[in-house]
């Protein structure tokens, strides 16, 4: 039920670096659709931090860990007091789902307007 973005001539992406993705022939494409706008693919700092974390523990946020609390405290310290609660989710889809559920609970309405 999912469509490939390039149905007539699909891309086979084999690696990425910075803001670019590369196909099996070495052709370079500017990545404008993935979640890399902030630091890019294969950023050395992100790789180092991820490796350090995976050496310690590699799981999702359903289990308690001090790093989650410490990150939430650091993050909320930069925000206004009204924004003092963190919800950690796995993806943009989960974030949207949570936002809808919170809004429905708060307002008591089920209607949603979306733009296509």
PDB file of N, CA and C in Angstrom:
ATOM      1  N   UNK A   1       0.812  -1.205   0.000  1.00  0.00           N
ATOM      2  CA  UNK A   1       0.000   0.000   0.000  1.00  0.00           C
ATOM      3  C   UNK A   1       0.853   1.266   0.000  1.00  0.00           C
ATOM      4  N   UNK A   2       2.158   1.122   0.100  1.00  0.00           N
ATOM      5  CA  UNK A   2       3.040   2.294   0.060  1.00  0.00           C
ATOM      6  C   UNK A   2       3.588   2.480  -1.345  1.00  0.00           C
ATOM      7  N   UNK A   3       3.676   3.702  -1.776  1.00  0.00           N
ATOM      8  CA  UNK A   3       4.226   3.999  -3.095  1.00  0.00           C
ATOM      9  C   UNK A   3       5.712   4.313  -2.964  1.00  0.00           C
ATOM     10  N   UNK A   4       6.487   3.855  -3.935  1.00  0.00           N
ATOM     11  CA  UNK A   4       7.879   4.257  -4.024  1.00  0.00           C
ATOM     12  C   UNK A   4       7.894   5.673  -4.585  1.00  0.00           C
ATOM     13  N   UNK A   5       8.778   6.526  -4.094  1.00  0.00           N
ATOM     14  CA  UNK A   5       8.805   7.913  -4.545  1.00  0.00           C
ATOM     15  C   UNK A   5       9.062   8.031  -6.044  1.00  0.00           C
ATOM     16  N   UNK A   6       9.888   7.151  -6.594  1.00  0.00           N
ATOM     17  CA  UNK A   6      10.263   7.218  -8.000  1.00  0.00           C
ATOM     18  C   UNK A   6       9.824   5.927  -8.677  1.00  0.00           C
ATOM     19  N   UNK A   7       8.513   5.744  -8.833  1.00  0.00           N
ATOM     20  CA  UNK A   7       7.956   4.476  -9.303  1.00  0.00           C
ATOM     21  C   UNK A   7       8.433   4.093 -10.697  1.00  0.00           C
ATOM     22  N   UNK A   8       8.612   5.053 -11.613  1.00  0.00           N
ATOM     23  CA  UNK A   8       9.016   4.723 -12.976  1.00  0.00           C
ATOM     24  C   UNK A   8      10.480   4.307 -13.056  1.00  0.00           C
ATOM     25  N   UNK A   9      11.318   4.918 -12.271  1.00  0.00           N
ATOM     26  CA  UNK A   9      12.749   4.622 -12.287  1.00  0.00           C
ATOM     27  C   UNK A   9      13.277   4.698 -10.857  1.00  0.00           C
ATOM     28  N   UNK A  10      12.989   3.677 -10.042  1.00  0.00           N
ATOM     29  CA  UNK A  10      13.343   3.763  -8.615  1.00  0.00           C
ATOM     30  C   UNK A  10      14.850   3.874  -8.391  1.00  0.00           C
ATOM     31  N   UNK A  11      15.202   4.624  -7.360  1.00  0.00           N
ATOM     32  CA  UNK A  11      16.596   4.786  -6.973  1.00  0.00           C
ATOM     33  C   UNK A  11      16.998   3.679  -6.015  1.00  0.00           C
ATOM     34  N   UNK A  12      18.184   3.153  -6.196  1.00  0.00           N
ATOM     35  CA  UNK A  12      18.751   2.218  -5.234  1.00  0.00           C
ATOM     36  C   UNK A  12      19.894   2.951  -4.545  1.00  0.00           C
ATOM     37  N   UNK A  13      19.596   3.495  -3.389  1.00  0.00           N
ATOM     38  CA  UNK A  13      20.575   4.261  -2.621  1.00  0.00           C
ATOM     39  C   UNK A  13      21.406   3.290  -1.797  1.00  0.00           C
ATOM     40  N   UNK A  14      22.740   3.415  -1.877  1.00  0.00           N
ATOM     41  CA  UNK A  14      23.617   2.469  -1.183  1.00  0.00           C
ATOM     42  C   UNK A  14      24.442   3.104  -0.071  1.00  0.00           C
ATOM     43  N   UNK A  15      24.577   4.449  -0.087  1.00  0.00           N
ATOM     44  CA  UNK A  15      25.304   5.116   0.991  1.00  0.00           C
ATOM     45  C   UNK A  15      24.945   6.592   0.982  1.00  0.00           C
ATOM     46  N   UNK A  16      25.362   7.294   2.058  1.00  0.00           N
ATOM     47  CA  UNK A  16      25.105   8.728   2.155  1.00  0.00           C
ATOM     48  C   UNK A  16      26.213   9.383   2.964  1.00  0.00           C
ATOM     49  N   UNK A  17      26.460  10.640   2.661  1.00  0.00           N
ATOM     50  CA  UNK A  17      27.465  11.429   3.377  1.00  0.00           C
ATOM     51  C   UNK A  17      27.017  12.879   3.357  1.00  0.00           C
ATOM     52  N   UNK A  18      26.990  13.508   4.533  1.00  0.00           N
ATOM     53  CA  UNK A  18      26.554  14.898   4.596  1.00  0.00           C
ATOM     54  C   UNK A  18      25.125  15.047   4.098  1.00  0.00           C
ATOM     55  N   UNK A  19      24.926  15.943   3.165  1.00  0.00           N
ATOM     56  CA  UNK A  19      23.591  16.182   2.629  1.00  0.00           C
ATOM     57  C   UNK A  19      23.304  15.384   1.366  1.00  0.00           C
ATOM     58  N   UNK A  20      24.210  14.490   1.002  1.00  0.00           N
ATOM     59  CA  UNK A  20      24.057  13.735  -0.245  1.00  0.00           C
ATOM     60  C   UNK A  20      23.834  12.248  -0.017  1.00  0.00           C
ATOM     61  N   UNK A  21      23.088  11.655  -0.955  1.00  0.00           N
ATOM     62  CA  UNK A  21      22.923  10.208  -1.023  1.00  0.00           C
ATOM     63  C   UNK A  21      23.503   9.756  -2.358  1.00  0.00           C
ATOM     64  N   UNK A  22      23.980   8.516  -2.394  1.00  0.00           N
ATOM     65  CA  UNK A  22      24.611   7.992  -3.597  1.00  0.00           C
ATOM     66  C   UNK A  22      23.942   6.688  -4.006  1.00  0.00           C
ATOM     67  N   UNK A  23      23.713   6.557  -5.315  1.00  0.00           N
ATOM     68  CA  UNK A  23      23.089   5.326  -5.797  1.00  0.00           C
ATOM     69  C   UNK A  23      24.159   4.285  -6.127  1.00  0.00           C
ATOM     70  N   UNK A  24      23.718   3.152  -6.605  1.00  0.00           N
ATOM     71  CA  UNK A  24      24.618   2.032  -6.880  1.00  0.00           C
ATOM     72  C   UNK A  24      25.620   2.337  -7.989  1.00  0.00           C
ATOM     73  N   UNK A  25      25.364   3.375  -8.783  1.00  0.00           N
ATOM     74  CA  UNK A  25      26.275   3.754  -9.866  1.00  0.00           C
ATOM     75  C   UNK A  25      27.206   4.896  -9.445  1.00  0.00           C
ATOM     76  N   UNK A  26      27.069   5.355  -8.196  1.00  0.00           N
ATOM     77  CA  UNK A  26      27.890   6.459  -7.715  1.00  0.00           C
ATOM     78  C   UNK A  26      27.306   7.826  -7.986  1.00  0.00           C
ATOM     79  N   UNK A  27      26.107   7.890  -8.558  1.00  0.00           N
ATOM     80  CA  UNK A  27      25.446   9.173  -8.836  1.00  0.00           C
ATOM     81  C   UNK A  27      25.061   9.841  -7.516  1.00  0.00           C
ATOM     82  N   UNK A  28      25.305  11.143  -7.407  1.00  0.00           N
ATOM     83  CA  UNK A  28      25.066  11.889  -6.174  1.00  0.00           C
ATOM     84  C   UNK A  28      23.720  12.606  -6.251  1.00  0.00           C
ATOM     85  N   UNK A  29      22.938  12.529  -5.159  1.00  0.00           N
ATOM     86  CA  UNK A  29      21.632  13.190  -5.067  1.00  0.00           C
ATOM     87  C   UNK A  29      21.584  14.027  -3.797  1.00  0.00           C
ATOM     88  N   UNK A  30      21.084  15.247  -3.898  1.00  0.00           N
ATOM     89  CA  UNK A  30      20.869  16.092  -2.730  1.00  0.00           C
ATOM     90  C   UNK A  30      19.668  15.547  -1.971  1.00  0.00           C
ATOM     91  N   UNK A  31      19.844  15.233  -0.703  1.00  0.00           N
ATOM     92  CA  UNK A  31      18.775  14.645   0.103  1.00  0.00           C
ATOM     93  C   UNK A  31      17.903  15.754   0.678  1.00  0.00           C
ATOM     94  N   UNK A  32      16.722  15.892   0.103  1.00  0.00           N
ATOM     95  CA  UNK A  32      15.777  16.922   0.558  1.00  0.00           C
ATOM     96  C   UNK A  32      14.569  16.325   1.273  1.00  0.00           C
ATOM     97  N   UNK A  33      14.535  15.001   1.475  1.00  0.00           N
ATOM     98  CA  UNK A  33      13.329  14.403   2.048  1.00  0.00           C
ATOM     99  C   UNK A  33      13.567  13.611   3.327  1.00  0.00           C
ATOM    100  N   UNK A  34      14.785  13.232   3.629  1.00  0.00           N
ATOM    101  CA  UNK A  34      15.028  12.478   4.854  1.00  0.00           C
ATOM    102  C   UNK A  34      15.269  13.420   6.019  1.00  0.00           C
ATOM    103  N   UNK A  35      15.347  12.887   7.196  1.00  0.00           N
ATOM    104  CA  UNK A  35      15.504  13.693   8.405  1.00  0.00           C
ATOM    105  C   UNK A  35      16.977  13.971   8.696  1.00  0.00           C
ATOM    106  N   UNK A  36      17.662  14.611   7.753  1.00  0.00           N
ATOM    107  CA  UNK A  36      19.087  14.868   7.917  1.00  0.00           C
ATOM    108  C   UNK A  36      19.434  16.347   7.845  1.00  0.00           C
ATOM    109  N   UNK A  37      18.449  17.182   7.800  1.00  0.00           N
ATOM    110  CA  UNK A  37      18.692  18.608   7.556  1.00  0.00           C
ATOM    111  C   UNK A  37      19.589  19.256   8.606  1.00  0.00           C
ATOM    112  N   UNK A  38      19.618  18.744   9.808  1.00  0.00           N
ATOM    113  CA  UNK A  38      20.368  19.395  10.876  1.00  0.00           C
ATOM    114  C   UNK A  38      21.855  19.084  10.839  1.00  0.00           C
ATOM    115  N   UNK A  39      22.221  17.833  10.654  1.00  0.00           N
ATOM    116  CA  UNK A  39      23.640  17.466  10.696  1.00  0.00           C
ATOM    117  C   UNK A  39      24.090  16.635   9.509  1.00  0.00           C
ATOM    118  N   UNK A  40      23.190  16.154   8.692  1.00  0.00           N
ATOM    119  CA  UNK A  40      23.562  15.358   7.535  1.00  0.00           C
ATOM    120  C   UNK A  40      23.790  13.896   7.863  1.00  0.00           C
ATOM    121  N   UNK A  41      24.036  13.127   6.821  1.00  0.00           N
ATOM    122  CA  UNK A  41      24.330  11.698   6.971  1.00  0.00           C
ATOM    123  C   UNK A  41      25.772  11.517   7.440  1.00  0.00           C
ATOM    124  N   UNK A  42      25.999  10.498   8.229  1.00  0.00           N
ATOM    125  CA  UNK A  42      27.347  10.068   8.636  1.00  0.00           C
ATOM    126  C   UNK A  42      28.151  11.165   9.327  1.00  0.00           C
ATOM    127  N   UNK A  43      27.489  12.000  10.099  1.00  0.00           N
ATOM    128  CA  UNK A  43      28.192  13.069  10.810  1.00  0.00           C
ATOM    129  C   UNK A  43      29.077  12.448  11.898  1.00  0.00           C
ATOM    130  N   UNK A  44      30.369  12.772  11.925  1.00  0.00           N
ATOM    131  CA  UNK A  44      31.290  12.124  12.875  1.00  0.00           C
ATOM    132  C   UNK A  44      30.879  12.256  14.340  1.00  0.00           C
ATOM    133  N   UNK A  45      30.371  13.424  14.746  1.00  0.00           N
ATOM    134  CA  UNK A  45      29.961  13.622  16.134  1.00  0.00           C
ATOM    135  C   UNK A  45      28.777  12.719  16.491  1.00  0.00           C
ATOM    136  N   UNK A  46      27.814  12.623  15.565  1.00  0.00           N
ATOM    137  CA  UNK A  46      26.635  11.788  15.803  1.00  0.00           C
ATOM    138  C   UNK A  46      27.035  10.318  15.853  1.00  0.00           C
ATOM    139  N   UNK A  47      27.909   9.904  14.955  1.00  0.00           N
ATOM    140  CA  UNK A  47      28.389   8.513  14.953  1.00  0.00           C
ATOM    141  C   UNK A  47      29.097   8.190  16.262  1.00  0.00           C
ATOM    142  N   UNK A  48      29.952   9.096  16.720  1.00  0.00           N
ATOM    143  CA  UNK A  48      30.688   8.881  17.978  1.00  0.00           C
ATOM    144  C   UNK A  48      29.721   8.779  19.162  1.00  0.00           C
ATOM    145  N   UNK A  49      28.755   9.695  19.222  1.00  0.00           N
ATOM    146  CA  UNK A  49      27.790   9.678  20.329  1.00  0.00           C
ATOM    147  C   UNK A  49      26.923   8.422  20.278  1.00  0.00           C
ATOM    148  N   UNK A  50      26.486   8.036  19.079  1.00  0.00           N
ATOM    149  CA  UNK A  50      25.640   6.844  18.942  1.00  0.00           C
ATOM    150  C   UNK A  50      26.422   5.587  19.305  1.00  0.00           C
ATOM    151  N   UNK A  51      27.670   5.515  18.868  1.00  0.00           N
ATOM    152  CA  UNK A  51      28.507   4.357  19.193  1.00  0.00           C
ATOM    153  C   UNK A  51      28.719   4.257  20.701  1.00  0.00           C
ATOM    154  N   UNK A  52      29.007   5.383  21.332  1.00  0.00           N
ATOM    155  CA  UNK A  52      29.206   5.397  22.790  1.00  0.00           C
ATOM    156  C   UNK A  52      27.949   4.897  23.510  1.00  0.00           C
ATOM    157  N   UNK A  53      26.769   5.365  23.055  1.00  0.00           N
ATOM    158  CA  UNK A  53      25.526   4.933  23.681  1.00  0.00           C
ATOM    159  C   UNK A  53      25.269   3.453  23.422  1.00  0.00           C
ATOM    160  N   UNK A  54      25.489   2.987  22.197  1.00  0.00           N
ATOM    161  CA  UNK A  54      25.221   1.578  21.876  1.00  0.00           C
ATOM    162  C   UNK A  54      26.186   0.638  22.588  1.00  0.00           C
ATOM    163  N   UNK A  55      27.391   1.119  22.918  1.00  0.00           N
ATOM    164  CA  UNK A  55      28.320   0.311  23.706  1.00  0.00           C
ATOM    165  C   UNK A  55      27.805   0.117  25.127  1.00  0.00           C
ATOM    166  N   UNK A  56      27.017   1.071  25.607  1.00  0.00           N
ATOM    167  CA  UNK A  56      26.460   1.010  26.953  1.00  0.00           C
ATOM    168  C   UNK A  56      25.112   0.295  26.969  1.00  0.00           C
ATOM    169  N   UNK A  57      24.202   0.720  26.097  1.00  0.00           N
ATOM    170  CA  UNK A  57      22.836   0.194  26.083  1.00  0.00           C
ATOM    171  C   UNK A  57      22.195   0.565  24.762  1.00  0.00           C
ATOM    172  N   UNK A  58      21.592  -0.396  24.114  1.00  0.00           N
ATOM    173  CA  UNK A  58      20.932  -0.145  22.833  1.00  0.00           C
ATOM    174  C   UNK A  58      19.493  -0.637  22.936  1.00  0.00           C
ATOM    175  N   UNK A  59      18.608   0.260  23.345  1.00  0.00           N
ATOM    176  CA  UNK A  59      17.193  -0.066  23.475  1.00  0.00           C
ATOM    177  C   UNK A  59      16.385   1.191  23.225  1.00  0.00           C
ATOM    178  N   UNK A  60      15.085   1.068  23.206  1.00  0.00           N
ATOM    179  CA  UNK A  60      14.254   2.252  23.019  1.00  0.00           C
ATOM    180  C   UNK A  60      13.912   2.861  24.373  1.00  0.00           C
ATOM    181  N   UNK A  61      13.048   3.858  24.375  1.00  0.00           N
ATOM    182  CA  UNK A  61      12.786   4.609  25.604  1.00  0.00           C
ATOM    183  C   UNK A  61      11.670   4.029  26.457  1.00  0.00           C
ATOM    184  N   UNK A  62      11.282   2.776  26.233  1.00  0.00           N
ATOM    185  CA  UNK A  62      10.237   2.211  27.091  1.00  0.00           C
ATOM    186  C   UNK A  62      10.795   1.805  28.459  1.00  0.00           C
ATOM    187  N   UNK A  63      12.116   1.731  28.571  1.00  0.00           N
ATOM    188  CA  UNK A  63      12.757   1.393  29.838  1.00  0.00           C
ATOM    189  C   UNK A  63      13.373   2.647  30.445  1.00  0.00           C
ATOM    190  N   UNK A  64      13.414   2.712  31.747  1.00  0.00           N
ATOM    191  CA  UNK A  64      13.993   3.868  32.426  1.00  0.00           C
ATOM    192  C   UNK A  64      15.513   3.832  32.323  1.00  0.00           C
ATOM    193  N   UNK A  65      16.088   5.004  32.143  1.00  0.00           N
ATOM    194  CA  UNK A  65      17.543   5.149  32.136  1.00  0.00           C
ATOM    195  C   UNK A  65      17.859   6.593  32.498  1.00  0.00           C
ATOM    196  N   UNK A  66      18.938   6.797  33.254  1.00  0.00           N
ATOM    197  CA  UNK A  66      19.292   8.144  33.703  1.00  0.00           C
ATOM    198  C   UNK A  66      19.516   9.109  32.548  1.00  0.00           C
ATOM    199  N   UNK A  67      20.032   8.630  31.417  1.00  0.00           N
ATOM    200  CA  UNK A  67      20.294   9.525  30.284  1.00  0.00           C
ATOM    201  C   UNK A  67      19.015  10.193  29.781  1.00  0.00           C
ATOM    202  N   UNK A  68      17.886   9.490  29.819  1.00  0.00           N
ATOM    203  CA  UNK A  68      16.625  10.095  29.396  1.00  0.00           C
ATOM    204  C   UNK A  68      16.247  11.263  30.299  1.00  0.00           C
ATOM    205  N   UNK A  69      16.389  11.059  31.594  1.00  0.00           N
ATOM    206  CA  UNK A  69      16.056  12.111  32.555  1.00  0.00           C
ATOM    207  C   UNK A  69      17.016  13.290  32.408  1.00  0.00           C
ATOM    208  N   UNK A  70      18.304  12.993  32.288  1.00  0.00           N
ATOM    209  CA  UNK A  70      19.292  14.062  32.158  1.00  0.00           C
ATOM    210  C   UNK A  70      19.063  14.876  30.882  1.00  0.00           C
ATOM    211  N   UNK A  71      18.752  14.192  29.789  1.00  0.00           N
ATOM    212  CA  UNK A  71      18.484  14.908  28.540  1.00  0.00           C
ATOM    213  C   UNK A  71      17.238  15.777  28.673  1.00  0.00           C
ATOM    214  N   UNK A  72      16.195  15.241  29.272  1.00  0.00           N
ATOM    215  CA  UNK A  72      14.964  16.015  29.461  1.00  0.00           C
ATOM    216  C   UNK A  72      15.228  17.251  30.315  1.00  0.00           C
ATOM    217  N   UNK A  73      16.034  17.108  31.343  1.00  0.00           N
ATOM    218  CA  UNK A  73      16.356  18.254  32.200  1.00  0.00           C
ATOM    219  C   UNK A  73      17.153  19.310  31.433  1.00  0.00           C
ATOM    220  N   UNK A  74      18.132  18.876  30.641  1.00  0.00           N
ATOM    221  CA  UNK A  74      18.925  19.820  29.842  1.00  0.00           C
ATOM    222  C   UNK A  74      18.055  20.520  28.806  1.00  0.00           C
ATOM    223  N   UNK A  75      17.168  19.764  28.184  1.00  0.00           N
ATOM    224  CA  UNK A  75      16.302  20.328  27.148  1.00  0.00           C
ATOM    225  C   UNK A  75      15.318  21.331  27.739  1.00  0.00           C
ATOM    226  N   UNK A  76      14.615  20.946  28.791  1.00  0.00           N
ATOM    227  CA  UNK A  76      13.606  21.843  29.366  1.00  0.00           C
ATOM    228  C   UNK A  76      14.233  23.070  30.012  1.00  0.00           C
ATOM    229  N   UNK A  77      15.493  22.999  30.398  1.00  0.00           N
ATOM    230  CA  UNK A  77      16.176  24.169  30.962  1.00  0.00           C
ATOM    231  C   UNK A  77      16.333  25.273  29.921  1.00  0.00           C
ATOM    232  N   UNK A  78      16.237  24.946  28.657  1.00  0.00           N
ATOM    233  CA  UNK A  78      16.374  25.937  27.590  1.00  0.00           C
ATOM    234  C   UNK A  78      15.031  26.509  27.152  1.00  0.00           C
ATOM    235  N   UNK A  79      13.942  26.018  27.719  1.00  0.00           N
ATOM    236  CA  UNK A  79      12.599  26.382  27.270  1.00  0.00           C
ATOM    237  C   UNK A  79      11.837  27.158  28.336  1.00  0.00           C
ATOM    238  N   UNK A  80      10.774  27.866  27.948  1.00  0.00           N
ATOM    239  CA  UNK A  80       9.926  28.529  28.945  1.00  0.00           C
ATOM    240  C   UNK A  80       9.337  27.502  29.913  1.00  0.00           C
ATOM    241  N   UNK A  81       9.005  27.937  31.125  1.00  0.00           N
ATOM    242  CA  UNK A  81       8.516  27.034  32.170  1.00  0.00           C
ATOM    243  C   UNK A  81       7.279  26.250  31.741  1.00  0.00           C
ATOM    244  N   UNK A  82       6.414  26.848  30.916  1.00  0.00           N
ATOM    245  CA  UNK A  82       5.212  26.141  30.468  1.00  0.00           C
ATOM    246  C   UNK A  82       5.553  24.911  29.627  1.00  0.00           C
ATOM    247  N   UNK A  83       6.735  24.894  29.032  1.00  0.00           N
ATOM    248  CA  UNK A  83       7.172  23.750  28.228  1.00  0.00           C
ATOM    249  C   UNK A  83       8.143  22.902  29.053  1.00  0.00           C
ATOM    250  N   UNK A  84       7.627  22.325  30.117  1.00  0.00           N
ATOM    251  CA  UNK A  84       8.492  21.609  31.060  1.00  0.00           C
ATOM    252  C   UNK A  84       8.299  20.098  31.047  1.00  0.00           C
ATOM    253  N   UNK A  85       7.540  19.582  30.092  1.00  0.00           N
ATOM    254  CA  UNK A  85       7.294  18.150  30.010  1.00  0.00           C
ATOM    255  C   UNK A  85       7.844  17.636  28.686  1.00  0.00           C
ATOM    256  N   UNK A  86       8.538  16.502  28.723  1.00  0.00           N
ATOM    257  CA  UNK A  86       9.088  15.888  27.511  1.00  0.00           C
ATOM    258  C   UNK A  86       8.398  14.556  27.246  1.00  0.00           C
ATOM    259  N   UNK A  87       8.112  14.324  25.998  1.00  0.00           N
ATOM    260  CA  UNK A  87       7.642  13.023  25.545  1.00  0.00           C
ATOM    261  C   UNK A  87       8.644  12.537  24.505  1.00  0.00           C
ATOM    262  N   UNK A  88       9.302  11.440  24.764  1.00  0.00           N
ATOM    263  CA  UNK A  88      10.261  10.901  23.814  1.00  0.00           C
ATOM    264  C   UNK A  88       9.568   9.880  22.930  1.00  0.00           C
ATOM    265  N   UNK A  89       9.684  10.074  21.637  1.00  0.00           N
ATOM    266  CA  UNK A  89       9.075   9.169  20.670  1.00  0.00           C
ATOM    267  C   UNK A  89      10.125   8.757  19.649  1.00  0.00           C
ATOM    268  N   UNK A  90       9.777   7.786  18.831  1.00  0.00           N
ATOM    269  CA  UNK A  90      10.723   7.187  17.901  1.00  0.00           C
ATOM    270  C   UNK A  90      10.756   7.859  16.542  1.00  0.00           C
ATOM    271  N   UNK A  91       9.703   8.569  16.164  1.00  0.00           N
ATOM    272  CA  UNK A  91       9.641   9.098  14.804  1.00  0.00           C
ATOM    273  C   UNK A  91       8.678  10.269  14.737  1.00  0.00           C
ATOM    274  N   UNK A  92       8.678  10.928  13.589  1.00  0.00           N
ATOM    275  CA  UNK A  92       7.719  11.994  13.351  1.00  0.00           C
ATOM    276  C   UNK A  92       6.287  11.487  13.368  1.00  0.00           C
ATOM    277  N   UNK A  93       6.101  10.269  12.867  1.00  0.00           N
ATOM    278  CA  UNK A  93       4.757   9.675  12.875  1.00  0.00           C
ATOM    279  C   UNK A  93       4.269   9.475  14.304  1.00  0.00           C
ATOM    280  N   UNK A  94       5.140   8.966  15.168  1.00  0.00           N
ATOM    281  CA  UNK A  94       4.757   8.791  16.576  1.00  0.00           C
ATOM    282  C   UNK A  94       4.506  10.135  17.232  1.00  0.00           C
ATOM    283  N   UNK A  95       5.303  11.143  16.888  1.00  0.00           N
ATOM    284  CA  UNK A  95       5.101  12.483  17.457  1.00  0.00           C
ATOM    285  C   UNK A  95       3.749  13.045  17.043  1.00  0.00           C
ATOM    286  N   UNK A  96       3.401  12.882  15.764  1.00  0.00           N
ATOM    287  CA  UNK A  96       2.094  13.350  15.293  1.00  0.00           C
ATOM    288  C   UNK A  96       0.960  12.609  15.976  1.00  0.00           C
ATOM    289  N   UNK A  97       1.104  11.295  16.104  1.00  0.00           N
ATOM    290  CA  UNK A  97       0.071  10.490  16.775  1.00  0.00           C
ATOM    291  C   UNK A  97      -0.108  10.949  18.212  1.00  0.00           C
ATOM    292  N   UNK A  98       0.986  11.159  18.926  1.00  0.00           N
ATOM    293  CA  UNK A  98       0.907  11.611  20.313  1.00  0.00           C
ATOM    294  C   UNK A  98       0.275  12.994  20.399  1.00  0.00           C
ATOM    295  N   UNK A  99       0.656  13.897  19.505  1.00  0.00           N
ATOM    296  CA  UNK A  99       0.085  15.249  19.514  1.00  0.00           C
ATOM    297  C   UNK A  99      -1.429  15.202  19.307  1.00  0.00           C
ATOM    298  N   UNK A 100      -1.879  14.348  18.390  1.00  0.00           N
ATOM    299  CA  UNK A 100      -3.327  14.212  18.170  1.00  0.00           C
ATOM    300  C   UNK A 100      -4.024  13.654  19.406  1.00  0.00           C
ATOM    301  N   UNK A 101      -3.437  12.628  20.012  1.00  0.00           N
ATOM    302  CA  UNK A 101      -4.066  12.039  21.203  1.00  0.00           C
ATOM    303  C   UNK A 101      -4.115  13.040  22.352  1.00  0.00           C
ATOM    304  N   UNK A 102      -3.045  13.818  22.549  1.00  0.00           N
ATOM    305  CA  UNK A 102      -3.046  14.821  23.610  1.00  0.00           C
ATOM    306  C   UNK A 102      -4.088  15.904  23.349  1.00  0.00           C
ATOM    307  N   UNK A 103      -4.157  16.368  22.097  1.00  0.00           N
ATOM    308  CA  UNK A 103      -5.144  17.407  21.754  1.00  0.00           C
ATOM    309  C   UNK A 103      -6.565  16.900  21.933  1.00  0.00           C
ATOM    310  N   UNK A 104      -6.816  15.667  21.522  1.00  0.00           N
ATOM    311  CA  UNK A 104      -8.164  15.096  21.677  1.00  0.00           C
ATOM    312  C   UNK A 104      -8.529  14.949  23.150  1.00  0.00           C
ATOM    313  N   UNK A 105      -7.565  14.518  23.946  1.00  0.00           N
ATOM    314  CA  UNK A 105      -7.817  14.367  25.377  1.00  0.00           C
ATOM    315  C   UNK A 105      -8.083  15.724  26.029  1.00  0.00           C
ATOM    316  N   UNK A 106      -7.292  16.715  25.666  1.00  0.00           N
ATOM    317  CA  UNK A 106      -7.410  18.039  26.265  1.00  0.00           C
ATOM    318  C   UNK A 106      -8.695  18.740  25.847  1.00  0.00           C
ATOM    319  N   UNK A 107      -9.027  18.684  24.549  1.00  0.00           N
ATOM    320  CA  UNK A 107     -10.186  19.404  24.036  1.00  0.00           C
ATOM    321  C   UNK A 107     -11.475  18.593  24.056  1.00  0.00           C
ATOM    322  N   UNK A 108     -11.360  17.277  24.057  1.00  0.00           N
ATOM    323  CA  UNK A 108     -12.554  16.447  24.040  1.00  0.00           C
ATOM    324  C   UNK A 108     -13.188  16.322  22.675  1.00  0.00           C
ATOM    325  N   UNK A 109     -12.474  16.711  21.631  1.00  0.00           N
ATOM    326  CA  UNK A 109     -12.982  16.626  20.260  1.00  0.00           C
ATOM    327  C   UNK A 109     -12.210  15.558  19.498  1.00  0.00           C
ATOM    328  N   UNK A 110     -12.845  14.996  18.466  1.00  0.00           N
ATOM    329  CA  UNK A 110     -12.207  13.968  17.645  1.00  0.00           C
ATOM    330  C   UNK A 110     -11.871  14.450  16.247  1.00  0.00           C
ATOM    331  N   UNK A 111     -12.382  15.605  15.829  1.00  0.00           N
ATOM    332  CA  UNK A 111     -12.194  16.084  14.457  1.00  0.00           C
ATOM    333  C   UNK A 111     -10.769  16.567  14.224  1.00  0.00           C
ATOM    334  N   UNK A 112     -10.304  16.333  12.983  1.00  0.00           N
ATOM    335  CA  UNK A 112      -8.966  16.752  12.575  1.00  0.00           C
ATOM    336  C   UNK A 112      -9.053  17.305  11.166  1.00  0.00           C
ATOM    337  N   UNK A 113      -8.342  18.387  10.922  1.00  0.00           N
ATOM    338  CA  UNK A 113      -8.222  18.944   9.577  1.00  0.00           C
ATOM    339  C   UNK A 113      -6.779  18.753   9.144  1.00  0.00           C
ATOM    340  N   UNK A 114      -6.570  18.192   7.948  1.00  0.00           N
ATOM    341  CA  UNK A 114      -5.217  18.014   7.442  1.00  0.00           C
ATOM    342  C   UNK A 114      -5.118  18.592   6.040  1.00  0.00           C
ATOM    343  N   UNK A 115      -3.918  18.918   5.644  1.00  0.00           N
ATOM    344  CA  UNK A 115      -3.646  19.399   4.294  1.00  0.00           C
ATOM    345  C   UNK A 115      -2.889  18.334   3.541  1.00  0.00           C
ATOM    346  N   UNK A 116      -3.268  18.123   2.296  1.00  0.00           N
ATOM    347  CA  UNK A 116      -2.576  17.121   1.466  1.00  0.00           C
ATOM    348  C   UNK A 116      -1.644  17.847   0.523  1.00  0.00           C
TER     349      UNK A 116
END
